[in-house]
């Protein structure tokens, strides 16, 4: 390499370094600009109000009950053999 080539590489590196610093300061926010206000939420309470008796009463259907349709003695219904 010639002396002119080395000088040109140094100048290009310096200019690109300065340009990247300027662009970096324009693109990225300063620490003072990175502060953001947030909403304050209420504390979660362990108290739970009783559910509405219109929907939850003794006459309501219990969806967790086992549903049986018809009476069968077949304990293996999917093997093709009925008892």
N, C-alpha and C. Protein backbone atom coordinates (compact mmCIF):
# COMPACT_ATOMS: atom_id res chain seq x y z
N UNK A 1 0.84 -1.18 0.00
CA UNK A 1 0.00 0.00 0.00
C UNK A 1 0.88 1.24 0.00
N UNK A 2 0.38 2.22 -0.66
CA UNK A 2 1.11 3.48 -0.72
C UNK A 2 0.70 4.36 0.46
N UNK A 3 1.46 5.37 0.66
CA UNK A 3 1.21 6.29 1.76
C UNK A 3 -0.12 7.02 1.55
N UNK A 4 -0.50 7.29 0.31
CA UNK A 4 -1.76 7.95 0.00
C UNK A 4 -2.94 7.06 0.38
N UNK A 5 -2.79 5.75 0.17
CA UNK A 5 -3.87 4.81 0.51
C UNK A 5 -4.10 4.75 2.01
N UNK A 6 -3.02 4.73 2.77
CA UNK A 6 -3.15 4.68 4.24
C UNK A 6 -3.80 5.95 4.75
N UNK A 7 -3.41 7.11 4.20
CA UNK A 7 -4.00 8.38 4.62
C UNK A 7 -5.48 8.42 4.27
N UNK A 8 -5.83 7.90 3.09
CA UNK A 8 -7.23 7.88 2.68
C UNK A 8 -8.07 6.98 3.59
N UNK A 9 -7.54 5.84 3.97
CA UNK A 9 -8.26 4.93 4.89
C UNK A 9 -8.46 5.60 6.24
N UNK A 10 -7.46 6.29 6.74
CA UNK A 10 -7.57 6.98 8.04
C UNK A 10 -8.62 8.09 7.96
N UNK A 11 -8.65 8.84 6.88
CA UNK A 11 -9.62 9.92 6.72
C UNK A 11 -11.04 9.34 6.63
N UNK A 12 -11.21 8.28 5.86
CA UNK A 12 -12.54 7.67 5.72
C UNK A 12 -13.01 7.11 7.06
N UNK A 13 -12.10 6.48 7.83
CA UNK A 13 -12.47 5.94 9.14
C UNK A 13 -12.86 7.06 10.10
N UNK A 14 -12.15 8.18 10.07
CA UNK A 14 -12.46 9.30 10.96
C UNK A 14 -13.81 9.92 10.59
N UNK A 15 -14.05 10.11 9.30
CA UNK A 15 -15.31 10.72 8.87
C UNK A 15 -16.48 9.79 9.19
N UNK A 16 -16.33 8.50 8.94
CA UNK A 16 -17.42 7.58 9.25
C UNK A 16 -17.66 7.47 10.75
N UNK A 17 -16.61 7.57 11.56
CA UNK A 17 -16.77 7.55 13.02
C UNK A 17 -17.54 8.76 13.52
N UNK A 18 -17.19 9.92 13.00
CA UNK A 18 -17.89 11.15 13.40
C UNK A 18 -19.34 11.11 12.93
N UNK A 19 -19.56 10.65 11.70
CA UNK A 19 -20.91 10.56 11.16
C UNK A 19 -21.76 9.58 11.98
N UNK A 20 -21.18 8.45 12.38
CA UNK A 20 -21.95 7.49 13.18
C UNK A 20 -22.28 8.04 14.56
N UNK A 21 -21.39 8.84 15.15
CA UNK A 21 -21.70 9.47 16.44
C UNK A 21 -22.86 10.46 16.31
N UNK A 22 -22.85 11.26 15.26
CA UNK A 22 -23.92 12.24 15.05
C UNK A 22 -25.25 11.53 14.83
N UNK A 23 -25.26 10.52 13.97
CA UNK A 23 -26.51 9.79 13.70
C UNK A 23 -26.97 9.05 14.96
N UNK A 24 -26.04 8.50 15.73
CA UNK A 24 -26.40 7.81 16.97
C UNK A 24 -27.06 8.73 17.98
N UNK A 25 -26.57 9.96 18.08
CA UNK A 25 -27.18 10.91 19.02
C UNK A 25 -28.55 11.36 18.53
N UNK A 26 -28.75 11.39 17.23
CA UNK A 26 -30.06 11.79 16.71
C UNK A 26 -31.09 10.66 16.84
N UNK A 27 -30.65 9.42 16.67
CA UNK A 27 -31.58 8.29 16.67
C UNK A 27 -31.95 7.85 18.07
N UNK A 28 -30.98 7.69 18.93
CA UNK A 28 -31.23 7.17 20.27
C UNK A 28 -31.54 8.29 21.24
N UNK A 29 -32.48 8.05 22.16
CA UNK A 29 -32.91 9.06 23.13
C UNK A 29 -31.89 9.16 24.26
N UNK A 30 -31.80 10.33 24.81
CA UNK A 30 -30.94 10.56 25.97
C UNK A 30 -31.58 9.94 27.20
N UNK A 31 -30.80 9.62 28.23
CA UNK A 31 -31.39 9.00 29.43
C UNK A 31 -32.50 9.84 30.06
N UNK A 32 -32.41 11.16 29.98
CA UNK A 32 -33.46 11.99 30.57
C UNK A 32 -34.76 11.89 29.77
N UNK A 33 -34.68 11.55 28.49
CA UNK A 33 -35.87 11.42 27.66
C UNK A 33 -36.49 10.02 27.74
N UNK A 34 -35.82 9.09 28.39
CA UNK A 34 -36.33 7.73 28.47
C UNK A 34 -37.23 7.50 29.68
N UNK A 35 -37.54 8.52 30.43
CA UNK A 35 -38.43 8.40 31.58
C UNK A 35 -39.86 8.41 31.08
N UNK A 36 -40.67 7.54 31.64
CA UNK A 36 -42.07 7.46 31.22
C UNK A 36 -42.95 7.31 32.45
N UNK A 37 -44.07 7.97 32.44
CA UNK A 37 -45.01 7.88 33.55
C UNK A 37 -45.95 6.70 33.32
N UNK A 38 -46.26 5.99 34.39
CA UNK A 38 -47.15 4.83 34.30
C UNK A 38 -48.31 5.01 35.26
N UNK A 39 -49.37 4.27 34.99
CA UNK A 39 -50.53 4.31 35.87
C UNK A 39 -50.24 3.53 37.15
N UNK A 40 -50.82 3.98 38.23
CA UNK A 40 -50.71 3.27 39.50
C UNK A 40 -51.95 2.40 39.64
N UNK A 41 -51.75 1.12 39.90
CA UNK A 41 -52.88 0.20 40.01
C UNK A 41 -53.27 0.01 41.47
N UNK A 42 -54.52 -0.38 41.67
CA UNK A 42 -54.99 -0.64 43.02
C UNK A 42 -54.44 -1.96 43.52
N UNK A 43 -54.36 -2.08 44.81
CA UNK A 43 -53.88 -3.31 45.43
C UNK A 43 -54.95 -4.38 45.27
N UNK A 44 -54.52 -5.60 44.95
CA UNK A 44 -55.46 -6.71 44.80
C UNK A 44 -55.87 -7.19 46.19
N UNK A 45 -57.15 -7.30 46.40
CA UNK A 45 -57.67 -7.69 47.70
C UNK A 45 -58.00 -9.18 47.71
N UNK A 46 -57.92 -9.79 48.88
CA UNK A 46 -58.27 -11.20 49.02
C UNK A 46 -59.76 -11.38 49.30
N UNK A 47 -60.47 -10.30 49.51
CA UNK A 47 -61.92 -10.38 49.75
C UNK A 47 -62.64 -10.63 48.43
N UNK A 48 -63.65 -11.48 48.48
CA UNK A 48 -64.42 -11.82 47.29
C UNK A 48 -65.89 -11.72 47.62
N UNK A 49 -66.58 -10.93 46.85
CA UNK A 49 -68.01 -10.76 47.09
C UNK A 49 -68.75 -12.03 46.66
N UNK A 50 -69.82 -12.33 47.33
CA UNK A 50 -70.62 -13.51 47.00
C UNK A 50 -71.21 -13.35 45.61
N UNK A 51 -71.24 -14.43 44.80
CA UNK A 51 -71.81 -14.32 43.46
C UNK A 51 -73.31 -14.10 43.51
N UNK A 52 -73.83 -13.63 42.41
CA UNK A 52 -75.25 -13.32 42.31
C UNK A 52 -76.08 -14.60 42.48
N UNK A 53 -77.05 -14.57 43.38
CA UNK A 53 -77.87 -15.75 43.64
C UNK A 53 -78.83 -16.05 42.48
N UNK A 54 -78.95 -15.14 41.54
CA UNK A 54 -79.77 -15.39 40.37
C UNK A 54 -79.15 -16.51 39.52
N UNK A 55 -77.84 -16.54 39.46
CA UNK A 55 -77.14 -17.53 38.65
C UNK A 55 -76.59 -18.69 39.47
N UNK A 56 -76.18 -18.44 40.68
CA UNK A 56 -75.58 -19.46 41.54
C UNK A 56 -76.52 -19.75 42.70
N UNK A 57 -77.37 -20.74 42.53
CA UNK A 57 -78.30 -21.11 43.58
C UNK A 57 -78.41 -22.63 43.63
N UNK A 58 -79.22 -23.14 44.53
CA UNK A 58 -79.33 -24.59 44.71
C UNK A 58 -80.06 -25.27 43.56
N UNK A 59 -80.79 -24.54 42.74
CA UNK A 59 -81.51 -25.13 41.61
C UNK A 59 -80.70 -25.10 40.31
N UNK A 60 -79.53 -24.51 40.34
CA UNK A 60 -78.71 -24.41 39.14
C UNK A 60 -78.16 -25.77 38.74
N UNK A 61 -77.83 -25.92 37.47
CA UNK A 61 -77.24 -27.16 36.96
C UNK A 61 -75.76 -27.18 37.32
N UNK A 62 -75.29 -28.31 37.81
CA UNK A 62 -73.88 -28.46 38.14
C UNK A 62 -73.16 -29.01 36.92
N UNK A 63 -72.33 -28.23 36.23
CA UNK A 63 -71.69 -28.70 35.00
C UNK A 63 -70.57 -29.71 35.26
N UNK A 64 -70.21 -29.95 36.51
CA UNK A 64 -69.13 -30.89 36.79
C UNK A 64 -69.63 -32.31 37.04
N UNK A 65 -70.93 -32.51 36.99
CA UNK A 65 -71.47 -33.84 37.22
C UNK A 65 -71.24 -34.73 36.01
N UNK A 66 -71.06 -36.03 36.26
CA UNK A 66 -70.90 -37.01 35.21
C UNK A 66 -72.22 -37.20 34.49
N UNK A 67 -72.20 -37.13 33.18
CA UNK A 67 -73.42 -37.26 32.39
C UNK A 67 -73.46 -38.67 31.80
N UNK A 68 -74.55 -39.38 32.04
CA UNK A 68 -74.75 -40.73 31.50
C UNK A 68 -75.98 -40.71 30.63
N UNK A 69 -75.84 -41.26 29.44
CA UNK A 69 -76.99 -41.37 28.55
C UNK A 69 -77.30 -42.85 28.43
N UNK A 70 -78.37 -43.29 29.05
CA UNK A 70 -78.76 -44.69 29.01
C UNK A 70 -77.93 -45.53 29.97
N UNK A 71 -78.44 -46.71 30.28
CA UNK A 71 -77.74 -47.64 31.17
C UNK A 71 -77.10 -48.73 30.34
N UNK A 72 -75.82 -48.96 30.50
CA UNK A 72 -75.14 -50.00 29.76
C UNK A 72 -74.16 -50.72 30.69
N UNK A 73 -74.00 -52.01 30.44
CA UNK A 73 -73.05 -52.79 31.22
C UNK A 73 -71.73 -52.92 30.47
N UNK A 74 -71.62 -52.37 29.29
CA UNK A 74 -70.43 -52.48 28.47
C UNK A 74 -69.36 -51.54 29.01
N UNK A 75 -68.27 -52.11 29.50
CA UNK A 75 -67.19 -51.28 30.05
C UNK A 75 -66.15 -50.93 29.00
N UNK A 76 -66.20 -51.59 27.85
CA UNK A 76 -65.28 -51.28 26.75
C UNK A 76 -66.08 -51.03 25.48
N UNK A 77 -66.64 -49.84 25.30
CA UNK A 77 -67.56 -49.59 24.21
C UNK A 77 -66.90 -49.45 22.85
N UNK A 78 -65.60 -49.27 22.75
CA UNK A 78 -64.99 -48.98 21.47
C UNK A 78 -64.19 -50.15 20.88
N UNK A 79 -64.31 -51.35 21.44
CA UNK A 79 -63.57 -52.46 20.88
C UNK A 79 -64.41 -53.30 19.91
N UNK A 80 -65.64 -52.94 19.69
CA UNK A 80 -66.48 -53.62 18.71
C UNK A 80 -67.20 -54.83 19.24
N UNK A 81 -66.98 -55.19 20.48
CA UNK A 81 -67.64 -56.36 21.07
C UNK A 81 -68.56 -55.85 22.16
N UNK A 82 -69.84 -56.14 22.05
CA UNK A 82 -70.75 -55.72 23.11
C UNK A 82 -71.04 -56.92 24.03
N UNK A 83 -71.28 -56.61 25.24
CA UNK A 83 -71.50 -57.68 26.23
C UNK A 83 -72.95 -57.88 26.53
